[in-house]
Amino acid sequence: MIDLALKTAAGYWAPLVWLAAFLIALAIALIIRSRGNSRFKQGKEQATPFFSGNKPPEENISGSNFYWGFFSATGKYYGWLRKLHTGIVNDYVFCLVLLVIFLLLAAALGGGMP
């Protein structure tokens, strides 16, 4: 009998099993797609965005105007986030390094062990 699994340092890897899983997932996606509405016509009114049950206005509406209630309810949180957002990659890398150090310390001190 032919062994189709590849032995690696981390265990076994069976490429044919992965290929079969990919083909099954692709078949499921195609079945779901085929059950869509065949009467849909692009460029007609049915393709317009849902605008809270009203006809959308002709001019463009920015997200800050359309979601004003959401942003006003969470204004303190987004104000805090805007202050943190500098746009400098070094700041984000620094936060990532701090997060990794924190997670390593938590793991070393038994933070995730049962």
N, C-alpha and C. Protein backbone atom coordinates (compact mmCIF):
# COMPACT_ATOMS: atom_id res chain seq x y z
N MET A 1 0.84 -1.17 0.00
CA MET A 1 0.00 0.00 0.00
C MET A 1 0.89 1.24 0.00
N ILE A 2 0.48 2.26 -0.75
CA ILE A 2 1.27 3.48 -0.88
C ILE A 2 0.86 4.46 0.23
N ASP A 3 1.85 4.97 0.93
CA ASP A 3 1.60 5.95 1.98
C ASP A 3 1.65 7.34 1.35
N LEU A 4 0.52 8.06 1.34
CA LEU A 4 0.45 9.36 0.68
C LEU A 4 0.71 10.53 1.63
N ALA A 5 0.94 10.27 2.89
CA ALA A 5 1.22 11.33 3.85
C ALA A 5 2.72 11.60 3.88
N LEU A 6 3.05 12.88 4.00
CA LEU A 6 4.45 13.27 4.10
C LEU A 6 4.79 13.47 5.56
N LYS A 7 5.91 12.91 5.99
CA LYS A 7 6.32 13.08 7.39
C LYS A 7 7.21 14.30 7.48
N THR A 8 6.83 15.20 8.37
CA THR A 8 7.60 16.42 8.60
C THR A 8 8.03 16.46 10.07
N ALA A 9 8.77 17.48 10.43
CA ALA A 9 9.22 17.60 11.81
C ALA A 9 8.05 17.86 12.76
N ALA A 10 6.97 18.44 12.24
CA ALA A 10 5.82 18.76 13.09
C ALA A 10 4.75 17.68 13.04
N GLY A 11 4.95 16.66 12.25
CA GLY A 11 3.95 15.59 12.16
C GLY A 11 3.78 15.13 10.72
N TYR A 12 2.56 14.78 10.38
CA TYR A 12 2.26 14.29 9.04
C TYR A 12 1.43 15.31 8.29
N TRP A 13 1.64 15.35 6.98
CA TRP A 13 0.89 16.25 6.12
C TRP A 13 0.46 15.45 4.90
N ALA A 14 -0.84 15.44 4.67
CA ALA A 14 -1.38 14.68 3.55
C ALA A 14 -1.94 15.67 2.51
N PRO A 15 -1.18 15.93 1.45
CA PRO A 15 -1.64 16.92 0.47
C PRO A 15 -2.91 16.50 -0.24
N LEU A 16 -3.14 15.22 -0.44
CA LEU A 16 -4.36 14.80 -1.12
C LEU A 16 -5.59 15.05 -0.25
N VAL A 17 -5.44 14.95 1.05
CA VAL A 17 -6.56 15.27 1.94
C VAL A 17 -6.89 16.76 1.84
N TRP A 18 -5.88 17.60 1.80
CA TRP A 18 -6.10 19.03 1.66
C TRP A 18 -6.72 19.36 0.31
N LEU A 19 -6.28 18.70 -0.73
CA LEU A 19 -6.85 18.90 -2.06
C LEU A 19 -8.32 18.49 -2.08
N ALA A 20 -8.62 17.36 -1.47
CA ALA A 20 -10.01 16.90 -1.40
C ALA A 20 -10.86 17.89 -0.60
N ALA A 21 -10.34 18.40 0.50
CA ALA A 21 -11.07 19.38 1.31
C ALA A 21 -11.31 20.66 0.52
N PHE A 22 -10.32 21.09 -0.24
CA PHE A 22 -10.47 22.28 -1.07
C PHE A 22 -11.54 22.06 -2.14
N LEU A 23 -11.53 20.91 -2.78
CA LEU A 23 -12.53 20.61 -3.81
C LEU A 23 -13.93 20.52 -3.23
N ILE A 24 -14.06 19.96 -2.04
CA ILE A 24 -15.37 19.90 -1.38
C ILE A 24 -15.85 21.31 -1.04
N ALA A 25 -14.97 22.14 -0.51
CA ALA A 25 -15.35 23.52 -0.17
C ALA A 25 -15.72 24.30 -1.43
N LEU A 26 -14.99 24.07 -2.52
CA LEU A 26 -15.32 24.73 -3.78
C LEU A 26 -16.68 24.27 -4.30
N ALA A 27 -16.97 22.99 -4.20
CA ALA A 27 -18.27 22.47 -4.63
C ALA A 27 -19.40 23.07 -3.80
N ILE A 28 -19.20 23.18 -2.49
CA ILE A 28 -20.23 23.78 -1.63
C ILE A 28 -20.45 25.24 -2.00
N ALA A 29 -19.37 25.98 -2.26
CA ALA A 29 -19.50 27.38 -2.65
C ALA A 29 -20.25 27.51 -3.97
N LEU A 30 -19.95 26.64 -4.92
CA LEU A 30 -20.65 26.69 -6.21
C LEU A 30 -22.13 26.33 -6.07
N ILE A 31 -22.45 25.40 -5.19
CA ILE A 31 -23.85 25.04 -4.95
C ILE A 31 -24.59 26.23 -4.33
N ILE A 32 -23.99 26.89 -3.37
CA ILE A 32 -24.62 28.06 -2.75
C ILE A 32 -24.80 29.17 -3.78
N ARG A 33 -23.79 29.38 -4.62
CA ARG A 33 -23.86 30.42 -5.65
C ARG A 33 -24.94 30.11 -6.67
N SER A 34 -25.10 28.84 -7.02
CA SER A 34 -26.08 28.47 -8.05
C SER A 34 -27.51 28.66 -7.56
N ARG A 35 -27.71 28.73 -6.25
CA ARG A 35 -29.06 28.90 -5.71
C ARG A 35 -29.46 30.37 -5.63
N GLY A 36 -28.62 31.27 -6.16
CA GLY A 36 -28.94 32.69 -6.15
C GLY A 36 -30.08 33.01 -7.11
N ASN A 37 -30.58 34.23 -7.03
CA ASN A 37 -31.69 34.67 -7.86
C ASN A 37 -31.20 34.94 -9.28
N SER A 38 -31.69 34.18 -10.24
CA SER A 38 -31.25 34.34 -11.63
C SER A 38 -31.90 35.54 -12.29
N ARG A 39 -32.93 36.14 -11.67
CA ARG A 39 -33.61 37.30 -12.24
C ARG A 39 -32.93 38.61 -11.86
N PHE A 40 -31.84 38.56 -11.10
CA PHE A 40 -31.16 39.78 -10.69
C PHE A 40 -30.53 40.45 -11.90
N LYS A 41 -30.78 41.75 -12.03
CA LYS A 41 -30.22 42.53 -13.14
C LYS A 41 -29.38 43.67 -12.57
N GLN A 42 -28.13 43.71 -12.94
CA GLN A 42 -27.23 44.76 -12.49
C GLN A 42 -27.61 46.07 -13.17
N GLY A 43 -27.56 47.16 -12.44
CA GLY A 43 -27.87 48.46 -13.01
C GLY A 43 -29.32 48.86 -12.86
N LYS A 44 -30.18 48.02 -12.37
CA LYS A 44 -31.59 48.33 -12.14
C LYS A 44 -31.78 48.81 -10.71
N GLU A 45 -33.02 49.13 -10.34
CA GLU A 45 -33.29 49.64 -9.00
C GLU A 45 -32.98 48.61 -7.92
N GLN A 46 -33.07 47.34 -8.26
CA GLN A 46 -32.81 46.31 -7.25
C GLN A 46 -31.34 46.26 -6.84
N ALA A 47 -30.47 46.92 -7.60
CA ALA A 47 -29.05 46.94 -7.26
C ALA A 47 -28.67 48.17 -6.45
N THR A 48 -29.63 49.04 -6.15
CA THR A 48 -29.32 50.23 -5.36
C THR A 48 -29.14 49.85 -3.89
N PRO A 49 -28.36 50.60 -3.15
CA PRO A 49 -28.13 50.26 -1.74
C PRO A 49 -29.39 50.52 -0.90
N PHE A 50 -29.51 49.75 0.16
CA PHE A 50 -30.62 49.95 1.10
C PHE A 50 -30.30 51.15 1.96
N PHE A 51 -31.21 52.11 1.95
CA PHE A 51 -30.99 53.37 2.66
C PHE A 51 -32.10 53.57 3.69
N SER A 52 -32.18 52.64 4.64
CA SER A 52 -33.15 52.68 5.72
C SER A 52 -34.59 52.73 5.21
N GLY A 53 -34.86 52.06 4.11
CA GLY A 53 -36.21 52.00 3.56
C GLY A 53 -36.59 53.19 2.72
N ASN A 54 -35.74 54.19 2.63
CA ASN A 54 -36.02 55.38 1.83
C ASN A 54 -35.25 55.32 0.53
N LYS A 55 -35.71 56.11 -0.44
CA LYS A 55 -34.97 56.20 -1.70
C LYS A 55 -33.66 56.94 -1.44
N PRO A 56 -32.53 56.38 -1.86
CA PRO A 56 -31.25 57.06 -1.58
C PRO A 56 -31.15 58.36 -2.35
N PRO A 57 -30.57 59.39 -1.75
CA PRO A 57 -30.41 60.67 -2.45
C PRO A 57 -29.39 60.55 -3.56
N GLU A 58 -29.45 61.50 -4.47
CA GLU A 58 -28.55 61.47 -5.64
C GLU A 58 -27.11 61.79 -5.25
N GLU A 59 -26.92 62.69 -4.27
CA GLU A 59 -25.56 63.05 -3.90
C GLU A 59 -24.97 61.97 -2.98
N ASN A 60 -23.67 61.94 -2.93
CA ASN A 60 -22.98 60.98 -2.07
C ASN A 60 -23.09 61.41 -0.62
N ILE A 61 -23.31 60.45 0.24
CA ILE A 61 -23.39 60.71 1.67
C ILE A 61 -22.21 60.02 2.32
N SER A 62 -21.45 60.78 3.08
CA SER A 62 -20.28 60.19 3.73
C SER A 62 -20.71 59.33 4.90
N GLY A 63 -19.83 58.45 5.30
CA GLY A 63 -20.13 57.55 6.41
C GLY A 63 -20.34 58.29 7.72
N SER A 64 -19.65 59.41 7.90
CA SER A 64 -19.82 60.15 9.15
C SER A 64 -21.21 60.76 9.25
N ASN A 65 -21.84 61.09 8.14
CA ASN A 65 -23.20 61.61 8.17
C ASN A 65 -24.22 60.49 8.30
N PHE A 66 -24.01 59.40 7.60
CA PHE A 66 -24.98 58.31 7.59
C PHE A 66 -25.01 57.58 8.92
N TYR A 67 -23.86 57.44 9.56
CA TYR A 67 -23.76 56.73 10.84
C TYR A 67 -23.57 57.69 12.01
N TRP A 68 -24.19 58.86 11.94
CA TRP A 68 -23.99 59.87 12.98
C TRP A 68 -24.43 59.36 14.35
N GLY A 69 -25.50 58.59 14.41
CA GLY A 69 -25.98 58.08 15.69
C GLY A 69 -24.99 57.12 16.33
N PHE A 70 -24.41 56.27 15.48
CA PHE A 70 -23.42 55.31 15.99
C PHE A 70 -22.20 56.04 16.52
N PHE A 71 -21.70 57.01 15.77
CA PHE A 71 -20.50 57.71 16.20
C PHE A 71 -20.76 58.65 17.37
N SER A 72 -21.97 59.19 17.45
CA SER A 72 -22.25 60.05 18.60
C SER A 72 -22.39 59.23 19.87
N ALA A 73 -22.91 58.01 19.74
CA ALA A 73 -23.06 57.15 20.92
C ALA A 73 -21.71 56.61 21.39
N THR A 74 -20.78 56.45 20.48
CA THR A 74 -19.46 55.92 20.83
C THR A 74 -18.38 56.98 20.65
N GLY A 75 -18.74 58.24 20.82
CA GLY A 75 -17.82 59.35 20.57
C GLY A 75 -16.58 59.33 21.44
N LYS A 76 -16.73 59.00 22.72
CA LYS A 76 -15.55 58.99 23.59
C LYS A 76 -14.55 57.92 23.16
N TYR A 77 -15.08 56.76 22.78
CA TYR A 77 -14.20 55.67 22.35
C TYR A 77 -13.45 56.05 21.07
N TYR A 78 -14.18 56.60 20.07
CA TYR A 78 -13.52 56.95 18.82
C TYR A 78 -12.59 58.15 18.98
N GLY A 79 -12.92 59.06 19.88
CA GLY A 79 -12.00 60.16 20.15
C GLY A 79 -10.68 59.65 20.72
N TRP A 80 -10.78 58.67 21.61
CA TRP A 80 -9.58 58.05 22.18
C TRP A 80 -8.78 57.33 21.11
N LEU A 81 -9.48 56.63 20.21
CA LEU A 81 -8.78 55.92 19.13
C LEU A 81 -8.11 56.88 18.17
N ARG A 82 -8.75 58.00 17.88
CA ARG A 82 -8.15 58.97 16.96
C ARG A 82 -6.87 59.55 17.54
N LYS A 83 -6.84 59.74 18.86
CA LYS A 83 -5.61 60.23 19.49
C LYS A 83 -4.49 59.20 19.40
N LEU A 84 -4.85 57.91 19.50
CA LEU A 84 -3.83 56.86 19.40
C LEU A 84 -3.33 56.67 17.97
N HIS A 85 -4.17 56.98 16.99
CA HIS A 85 -3.81 56.73 15.60
C HIS A 85 -2.90 57.83 15.09
N THR A 86 -1.60 57.50 14.99
CA THR A 86 -0.63 58.49 14.52
C THR A 86 -0.29 58.30 13.05
N GLY A 87 -0.49 57.09 12.53
CA GLY A 87 -0.14 56.82 11.15
C GLY A 87 1.32 56.44 10.97
N ILE A 88 2.07 56.37 12.06
CA ILE A 88 3.49 56.01 12.00
C ILE A 88 3.62 54.53 12.31
N VAL A 89 4.25 53.80 11.41
CA VAL A 89 4.35 52.35 11.55
C VAL A 89 5.12 51.97 12.81
N ASN A 90 6.11 52.75 13.17
CA ASN A 90 6.91 52.43 14.36
C ASN A 90 6.04 52.36 15.61
N ASP A 91 5.03 53.21 15.70
CA ASP A 91 4.15 53.18 16.87
C ASP A 91 3.38 51.87 16.94
N TYR A 92 2.91 51.38 15.80
CA TYR A 92 2.16 50.13 15.78
C TYR A 92 3.05 48.93 16.07
N VAL A 93 4.27 48.96 15.57
CA VAL A 93 5.21 47.88 15.86
C VAL A 93 5.56 47.87 17.34
N PHE A 94 5.71 49.05 17.93
CA PHE A 94 5.98 49.14 19.36
C PHE A 94 4.84 48.54 20.17
N CYS A 95 3.59 48.84 19.79
CA CYS A 95 2.43 48.26 20.49
C CYS A 95 2.40 46.75 20.31
N LEU A 96 2.75 46.27 19.13
CA LEU A 96 2.78 44.83 18.89
C LEU A 96 3.84 44.16 19.76
N VAL A 97 5.01 44.78 19.87
CA VAL A 97 6.08 44.21 20.69
C VAL A 97 5.65 44.19 22.16
N LEU A 98 5.01 45.25 22.63
CA LEU A 98 4.51 45.26 24.00
C LEU A 98 3.48 44.16 24.23
N LEU A 99 2.60 43.96 23.27
CA LEU A 99 1.59 42.91 23.39
C LEU A 99 2.23 41.53 23.45
N VAL A 100 3.24 41.29 22.61
CA VAL A 100 3.93 39.99 22.62
C VAL A 100 4.64 39.78 23.95
N ILE A 101 5.30 40.82 24.47
CA ILE A 101 5.98 40.71 25.77
C ILE A 101 4.96 40.40 26.86
N PHE A 102 3.81 41.08 26.84
CA PHE A 102 2.77 40.83 27.82
C PHE A 102 2.26 39.39 27.74
N LEU A 103 2.04 38.90 26.54
CA LEU A 103 1.55 37.52 26.38
C LEU A 103 2.60 36.51 26.81
N LEU A 104 3.87 36.77 26.53
CA LEU A 104 4.92 35.86 26.96
C LEU A 104 5.05 35.84 28.49
N LEU A 105 4.93 37.01 29.11
CA LEU A 105 4.97 37.05 30.58
C LEU A 105 3.78 36.32 31.19
N ALA A 106 2.60 36.50 30.57
CA ALA A 106 1.42 35.81 31.09
C ALA A 106 1.58 34.30 30.95
N ALA A 107 2.15 33.84 29.83
CA ALA A 107 2.35 32.42 29.65
C ALA A 107 3.43 31.89 30.60
N ALA A 108 4.47 32.69 30.83
CA ALA A 108 5.55 32.25 31.71
C ALA A 108 5.08 32.16 33.17
N LEU A 109 4.15 33.02 33.54
CA LEU A 109 3.65 33.01 34.89
C LEU A 109 2.47 32.06 35.07
N GLY A 110 2.20 31.29 34.04
CA GLY A 110 1.12 30.30 34.13
C GLY A 110 -0.26 30.87 33.89
N GLY A 111 -0.34 31.96 33.14
CA GLY A 111 -1.62 32.61 32.91
C GLY A 111 -2.58 31.81 32.07
N GLY A 112 -2.10 30.92 31.23
CA GLY A 112 -3.02 30.18 30.38
C GLY A 112 -3.05 28.71 30.66
N MET A 113 -2.38 28.28 31.70
CA MET A 113 -2.33 26.84 32.01
C MET A 113 -3.46 26.45 32.94
N PRO A 114 -4.10 25.31 32.71
CA PRO A 114 -5.17 24.88 33.61
C PRO A 114 -4.63 24.35 34.94
